[in-house]
Amino acid sequence: MLIYKIFRRPEWEALRDAGETAGAPVDLADGYIHISTAAQVAETAAKHFADESDLVLVALDDAALGPDLRWEPSRGGALFPHLYRPLRIGDVVWDKSLPLGAAGHIFPEGVI
């Protein structure tokens, strides 16, 4: 199953340049990389990136992340995927811009 990480453009560019990342400041503070499912990602964007327009949506294959991916209760008790290792550029299935429209972020077709 594909799961999703939202990056600010500079965070995405740093991942591409370095080949891996420990995540955004919130990820570093929490000790894992926050990821969302297709059912969760629009709410994640609205809650944590409401006014940000230069975002990148990254798709990851949950099975390929192995045992370092854990499903843990988070917002509203729902299980969210959390990655307990650096995210590597090789983990990325695809990346696409996530622009901000008048009614919120505009997700690529088929994601939500």
N, C-alpha and C. Protein backbone atom coordinates (compact mmCIF):
# COMPACT_ATOMS: atom_id res chain seq x y z
N MET A 1 0.85 -1.17 0.00
CA MET A 1 0.00 0.00 0.00
C MET A 1 0.90 1.24 0.00
N LEU A 2 0.48 2.24 -0.74
CA LEU A 2 1.22 3.49 -0.72
C LEU A 2 0.80 4.32 0.49
N ILE A 3 1.81 4.91 1.14
CA ILE A 3 1.60 5.85 2.23
C ILE A 3 2.35 7.12 1.86
N TYR A 4 2.08 8.23 2.58
CA TYR A 4 2.53 9.53 2.09
C TYR A 4 3.21 10.38 3.17
N LYS A 5 4.24 11.07 2.73
CA LYS A 5 4.95 12.05 3.56
C LYS A 5 4.88 13.38 2.84
N ILE A 6 4.55 14.43 3.57
CA ILE A 6 4.52 15.78 3.02
C ILE A 6 5.80 16.49 3.45
N PHE A 7 6.49 17.05 2.48
CA PHE A 7 7.70 17.82 2.74
C PHE A 7 7.52 19.26 2.29
N ARG A 8 8.13 20.17 3.00
CA ARG A 8 8.32 21.52 2.47
C ARG A 8 9.41 21.39 1.40
N ARG A 9 9.37 22.22 0.40
CA ARG A 9 10.31 22.09 -0.73
C ARG A 9 11.78 22.02 -0.26
N PRO A 10 12.24 22.89 0.65
CA PRO A 10 13.65 22.78 1.08
C PRO A 10 13.97 21.45 1.77
N GLU A 11 13.00 20.90 2.50
CA GLU A 11 13.21 19.59 3.14
C GLU A 11 13.35 18.49 2.09
N TRP A 12 12.52 18.55 1.05
CA TRP A 12 12.58 17.58 -0.03
C TRP A 12 13.91 17.69 -0.78
N GLU A 13 14.32 18.90 -1.07
CA GLU A 13 15.59 19.10 -1.77
C GLU A 13 16.77 18.62 -0.94
N ALA A 14 16.71 18.80 0.38
CA ALA A 14 17.77 18.29 1.26
C ALA A 14 17.81 16.77 1.23
N LEU A 15 16.65 16.12 1.22
CA LEU A 15 16.60 14.66 1.11
C LEU A 15 17.20 14.19 -0.20
N ARG A 16 16.82 14.84 -1.29
CA ARG A 16 17.37 14.46 -2.60
C ARG A 16 18.88 14.63 -2.63
N ASP A 17 19.37 15.74 -2.07
CA ASP A 17 20.80 16.02 -2.11
C ASP A 17 21.60 15.07 -1.21
N ALA A 18 21.09 14.80 -0.01
CA ALA A 18 21.83 13.98 0.96
C ALA A 18 21.57 12.48 0.79
N GLY A 19 20.43 12.14 0.17
CA GLY A 19 20.10 10.72 0.00
C GLY A 19 19.29 10.14 1.14
N GLU A 20 19.17 10.87 2.24
CA GLU A 20 18.33 10.43 3.35
C GLU A 20 18.06 11.62 4.27
N THR A 21 17.04 11.44 5.12
CA THR A 21 16.68 12.47 6.08
C THR A 21 16.12 11.83 7.34
N ALA A 22 16.34 12.50 8.45
CA ALA A 22 15.71 12.11 9.71
C ALA A 22 14.37 12.82 9.86
N GLY A 23 14.02 13.65 8.87
CA GLY A 23 12.71 14.28 8.84
C GLY A 23 12.73 15.76 9.15
N ALA A 24 11.54 16.30 9.26
CA ALA A 24 11.30 17.71 9.57
C ALA A 24 11.51 17.93 11.07
N PRO A 25 11.52 19.18 11.51
CA PRO A 25 11.68 19.44 12.95
C PRO A 25 10.72 18.66 13.85
N VAL A 26 9.46 18.51 13.46
CA VAL A 26 8.51 17.74 14.27
C VAL A 26 8.92 16.27 14.34
N ASP A 27 9.46 15.73 13.26
CA ASP A 27 9.93 14.34 13.26
C ASP A 27 11.11 14.17 14.20
N LEU A 28 12.05 15.10 14.12
CA LEU A 28 13.23 15.06 14.99
C LEU A 28 12.81 15.15 16.46
N ALA A 29 11.85 16.02 16.76
CA ALA A 29 11.39 16.19 18.13
C ALA A 29 10.70 14.93 18.66
N ASP A 30 9.96 14.25 17.80
CA ASP A 30 9.20 13.07 18.22
C ASP A 30 9.99 11.77 18.14
N GLY A 31 11.10 11.77 17.41
CA GLY A 31 11.94 10.58 17.31
C GLY A 31 11.54 9.59 16.24
N TYR A 32 10.68 10.00 15.34
CA TYR A 32 10.26 9.17 14.20
C TYR A 32 9.73 10.08 13.11
N ILE A 33 9.63 9.52 11.90
CA ILE A 33 9.12 10.28 10.76
C ILE A 33 7.61 10.05 10.64
N HIS A 34 6.87 11.14 10.68
CA HIS A 34 5.41 11.09 10.56
C HIS A 34 5.02 10.84 9.11
N ILE A 35 4.15 9.88 8.90
CA ILE A 35 3.66 9.52 7.57
C ILE A 35 2.14 9.37 7.68
N SER A 36 1.44 9.47 6.57
CA SER A 36 -0.02 9.35 6.57
C SER A 36 -0.46 8.36 5.50
N THR A 37 -1.63 7.78 5.71
CA THR A 37 -2.26 6.96 4.69
C THR A 37 -3.02 7.88 3.72
N ALA A 38 -3.53 7.32 2.66
CA ALA A 38 -4.33 8.09 1.71
C ALA A 38 -5.55 8.70 2.40
N ALA A 39 -6.13 7.97 3.35
CA ALA A 39 -7.31 8.46 4.06
C ALA A 39 -6.97 9.57 5.05
N GLN A 40 -5.70 9.68 5.43
CA GLN A 40 -5.28 10.65 6.45
C GLN A 40 -4.58 11.87 5.90
N VAL A 41 -4.02 11.77 4.70
CA VAL A 41 -3.08 12.79 4.23
C VAL A 41 -3.72 14.16 3.99
N ALA A 42 -4.96 14.22 3.54
CA ALA A 42 -5.59 15.53 3.32
C ALA A 42 -5.78 16.26 4.65
N GLU A 43 -6.18 15.55 5.69
CA GLU A 43 -6.33 16.17 7.01
C GLU A 43 -4.96 16.59 7.56
N THR A 44 -3.95 15.78 7.33
CA THR A 44 -2.59 16.14 7.74
C THR A 44 -2.17 17.44 7.07
N ALA A 45 -2.41 17.55 5.78
CA ALA A 45 -2.05 18.77 5.05
C ALA A 45 -2.80 19.98 5.60
N ALA A 46 -4.08 19.82 5.84
CA ALA A 46 -4.90 20.93 6.34
C ALA A 46 -4.49 21.34 7.76
N LYS A 47 -4.17 20.37 8.59
CA LYS A 47 -3.84 20.64 9.99
C LYS A 47 -2.44 21.22 10.17
N HIS A 48 -1.47 20.68 9.45
CA HIS A 48 -0.07 21.04 9.69
C HIS A 48 0.57 21.92 8.62
N PHE A 49 -0.09 22.06 7.47
CA PHE A 49 0.49 22.82 6.36
C PHE A 49 -0.55 23.75 5.73
N ALA A 50 -1.51 24.22 6.50
CA ALA A 50 -2.68 24.93 5.99
C ALA A 50 -2.36 26.08 5.05
N ASP A 51 -1.36 26.87 5.35
CA ASP A 51 -1.07 28.06 4.54
C ASP A 51 0.18 27.90 3.69
N GLU A 52 0.68 26.69 3.57
CA GLU A 52 1.94 26.47 2.85
C GLU A 52 1.66 25.96 1.44
N SER A 53 2.29 26.61 0.47
CA SER A 53 1.99 26.29 -0.92
C SER A 53 3.09 25.52 -1.63
N ASP A 54 4.32 25.61 -1.18
CA ASP A 54 5.42 24.97 -1.89
C ASP A 54 5.78 23.65 -1.23
N LEU A 55 4.86 22.69 -1.36
CA LEU A 55 5.02 21.39 -0.72
C LEU A 55 5.25 20.30 -1.77
N VAL A 56 5.81 19.19 -1.28
CA VAL A 56 6.03 18.02 -2.13
C VAL A 56 5.40 16.83 -1.42
N LEU A 57 4.59 16.09 -2.15
CA LEU A 57 3.98 14.87 -1.64
C LEU A 57 4.82 13.70 -2.13
N VAL A 58 5.25 12.87 -1.19
CA VAL A 58 6.11 11.73 -1.51
C VAL A 58 5.34 10.45 -1.18
N ALA A 59 5.31 9.52 -2.12
CA ALA A 59 4.67 8.23 -1.92
C ALA A 59 5.72 7.19 -1.54
N LEU A 60 5.36 6.35 -0.58
CA LEU A 60 6.23 5.30 -0.08
C LEU A 60 5.45 3.99 -0.06
N ASP A 61 6.13 2.89 -0.29
CA ASP A 61 5.50 1.57 -0.21
C ASP A 61 5.67 1.07 1.22
N ASP A 62 4.57 0.91 1.93
CA ASP A 62 4.67 0.55 3.35
C ASP A 62 5.40 -0.78 3.55
N ALA A 63 5.18 -1.76 2.70
CA ALA A 63 5.82 -3.06 2.85
C ALA A 63 7.34 -2.97 2.67
N ALA A 64 7.80 -2.08 1.81
CA ALA A 64 9.23 -1.96 1.54
C ALA A 64 9.98 -1.28 2.69
N LEU A 65 9.27 -0.63 3.59
CA LEU A 65 9.93 0.06 4.70
C LEU A 65 10.30 -0.89 5.83
N GLY A 66 9.78 -2.11 5.79
CA GLY A 66 10.19 -3.14 6.72
C GLY A 66 9.76 -2.90 8.16
N PRO A 67 10.47 -3.53 9.08
CA PRO A 67 10.05 -3.50 10.49
C PRO A 67 10.25 -2.15 11.18
N ASP A 68 10.94 -1.21 10.53
CA ASP A 68 11.11 0.12 11.12
C ASP A 68 9.87 0.98 10.96
N LEU A 69 8.88 0.51 10.21
CA LEU A 69 7.60 1.20 10.08
C LEU A 69 6.65 0.59 11.11
N ARG A 70 6.14 1.44 11.97
CA ARG A 70 5.22 0.98 13.01
C ARG A 70 3.91 1.76 12.89
N TRP A 71 2.81 1.05 13.11
CA TRP A 71 1.48 1.67 13.08
C TRP A 71 1.08 1.95 14.51
N GLU A 72 0.93 3.25 14.82
CA GLU A 72 0.68 3.65 16.20
C GLU A 72 -0.49 4.64 16.27
N PRO A 73 -1.23 4.61 17.39
CA PRO A 73 -2.35 5.54 17.55
C PRO A 73 -1.85 6.98 17.58
N SER A 74 -2.60 7.83 16.92
CA SER A 74 -2.27 9.25 16.89
C SER A 74 -3.58 10.02 16.88
N ARG A 75 -3.70 10.97 15.96
CA ARG A 75 -4.86 11.85 15.88
C ARG A 75 -6.17 11.06 15.94
N GLY A 76 -6.97 11.34 16.97
CA GLY A 76 -8.28 10.69 17.10
C GLY A 76 -8.21 9.20 17.36
N GLY A 77 -7.04 8.69 17.76
CA GLY A 77 -6.89 7.27 18.02
C GLY A 77 -6.64 6.44 16.78
N ALA A 78 -6.63 7.07 15.61
CA ALA A 78 -6.37 6.33 14.36
C ALA A 78 -4.92 5.87 14.32
N LEU A 79 -4.69 4.74 13.69
CA LEU A 79 -3.33 4.24 13.53
C LEU A 79 -2.64 4.97 12.38
N PHE A 80 -1.49 5.54 12.67
CA PHE A 80 -0.69 6.25 11.68
C PHE A 80 0.64 5.52 11.50
N PRO A 81 1.17 5.55 10.28
CA PRO A 81 2.49 4.97 10.07
C PRO A 81 3.59 5.92 10.54
N HIS A 82 4.51 5.38 11.34
CA HIS A 82 5.66 6.13 11.85
C HIS A 82 6.91 5.36 11.49
N LEU A 83 7.88 6.03 10.90
CA LEU A 83 9.12 5.39 10.48
C LEU A 83 10.22 5.69 11.48
N TYR A 84 10.79 4.63 12.05
CA TYR A 84 11.83 4.75 13.07
C TYR A 84 13.21 4.49 12.49
N ARG A 85 13.51 5.14 11.42
CA ARG A 85 14.84 5.16 10.82
C ARG A 85 14.84 6.30 9.82
N PRO A 86 16.02 6.71 9.34
CA PRO A 86 16.03 7.75 8.31
C PRO A 86 15.26 7.30 7.06
N LEU A 87 14.59 8.23 6.44
CA LEU A 87 13.93 8.00 5.16
C LEU A 87 14.97 8.17 4.08
N ARG A 88 15.10 7.18 3.21
CA ARG A 88 16.11 7.19 2.16
C ARG A 88 15.45 7.51 0.81
N ILE A 89 16.21 8.15 -0.03
CA ILE A 89 15.68 8.50 -1.34
C ILE A 89 15.22 7.25 -2.09
N GLY A 90 15.88 6.12 -1.84
CA GLY A 90 15.47 4.86 -2.47
C GLY A 90 14.13 4.34 -2.00
N ASP A 91 13.62 4.87 -0.88
CA ASP A 91 12.30 4.48 -0.37
C ASP A 91 11.17 5.15 -1.16
N VAL A 92 11.50 6.21 -1.88
CA VAL A 92 10.48 7.03 -2.55
C VAL A 92 10.00 6.35 -3.83
N VAL A 93 8.71 6.11 -3.91
CA VAL A 93 8.09 5.53 -5.11
C VAL A 93 7.89 6.62 -6.15
N TRP A 94 7.35 7.76 -5.72
CA TRP A 94 7.21 8.94 -6.58
C TRP A 94 7.07 10.18 -5.71
N ASP A 95 7.32 11.33 -6.35
CA ASP A 95 7.13 12.62 -5.69
C ASP A 95 6.40 13.54 -6.65
N LYS A 96 5.51 14.35 -6.09
CA LYS A 96 4.73 15.30 -6.89
C LYS A 96 4.50 16.57 -6.09
N SER A 97 4.42 17.69 -6.78
CA SER A 97 4.10 18.95 -6.13
C SER A 97 2.72 18.88 -5.50
N LEU A 98 2.58 19.56 -4.38
CA LEU A 98 1.30 19.62 -3.67
C LEU A 98 0.93 21.08 -3.51
N PRO A 99 0.36 21.67 -4.56
CA PRO A 99 0.05 23.10 -4.53
C PRO A 99 -1.15 23.40 -3.62
N LEU A 100 -1.23 24.65 -3.22
CA LEU A 100 -2.34 25.13 -2.40
C LEU A 100 -3.32 25.86 -3.30
N GLY A 101 -4.56 25.39 -3.32
CA GLY A 101 -5.61 26.05 -4.09
C GLY A 101 -6.52 26.84 -3.17
N ALA A 102 -7.55 27.39 -3.72
CA ALA A 102 -8.49 28.22 -2.95
C ALA A 102 -9.20 27.42 -1.86
N ALA A 103 -9.43 26.14 -2.10
CA ALA A 103 -10.16 25.31 -1.14
C ALA A 103 -9.25 24.33 -0.40
N GLY A 104 -7.93 24.55 -0.45
CA GLY A 104 -7.00 23.64 0.22
C GLY A 104 -6.00 23.07 -0.78
N HIS A 105 -5.24 22.12 -0.32
CA HIS A 105 -4.21 21.53 -1.17
C HIS A 105 -4.83 20.69 -2.29
N ILE A 106 -4.16 20.71 -3.42
CA ILE A 106 -4.63 19.99 -4.60
C ILE A 106 -3.79 18.73 -4.75
N PHE A 107 -4.39 17.60 -4.42
CA PHE A 107 -3.68 16.32 -4.43
C PHE A 107 -3.68 15.71 -5.82
N PRO A 108 -2.62 14.97 -6.13
CA PRO A 108 -2.59 14.28 -7.42
C PRO A 108 -3.77 13.31 -7.53
N GLU A 109 -4.23 13.12 -8.72
CA GLU A 109 -5.36 12.23 -8.96
C GLU A 109 -5.04 10.83 -8.43
N GLY A 110 -6.04 10.25 -7.75
CA GLY A 110 -5.92 8.89 -7.25
C GLY A 110 -5.34 8.78 -5.84
N VAL A 111 -4.90 9.89 -5.26
CA VAL A 111 -4.31 9.80 -3.91
C VAL A 111 -5.40 9.78 -2.85
N ILE A 112 -6.34 10.73 -2.91
CA ILE A 112 -7.39 10.78 -1.88
C ILE A 112 -8.76 10.55 -2.51
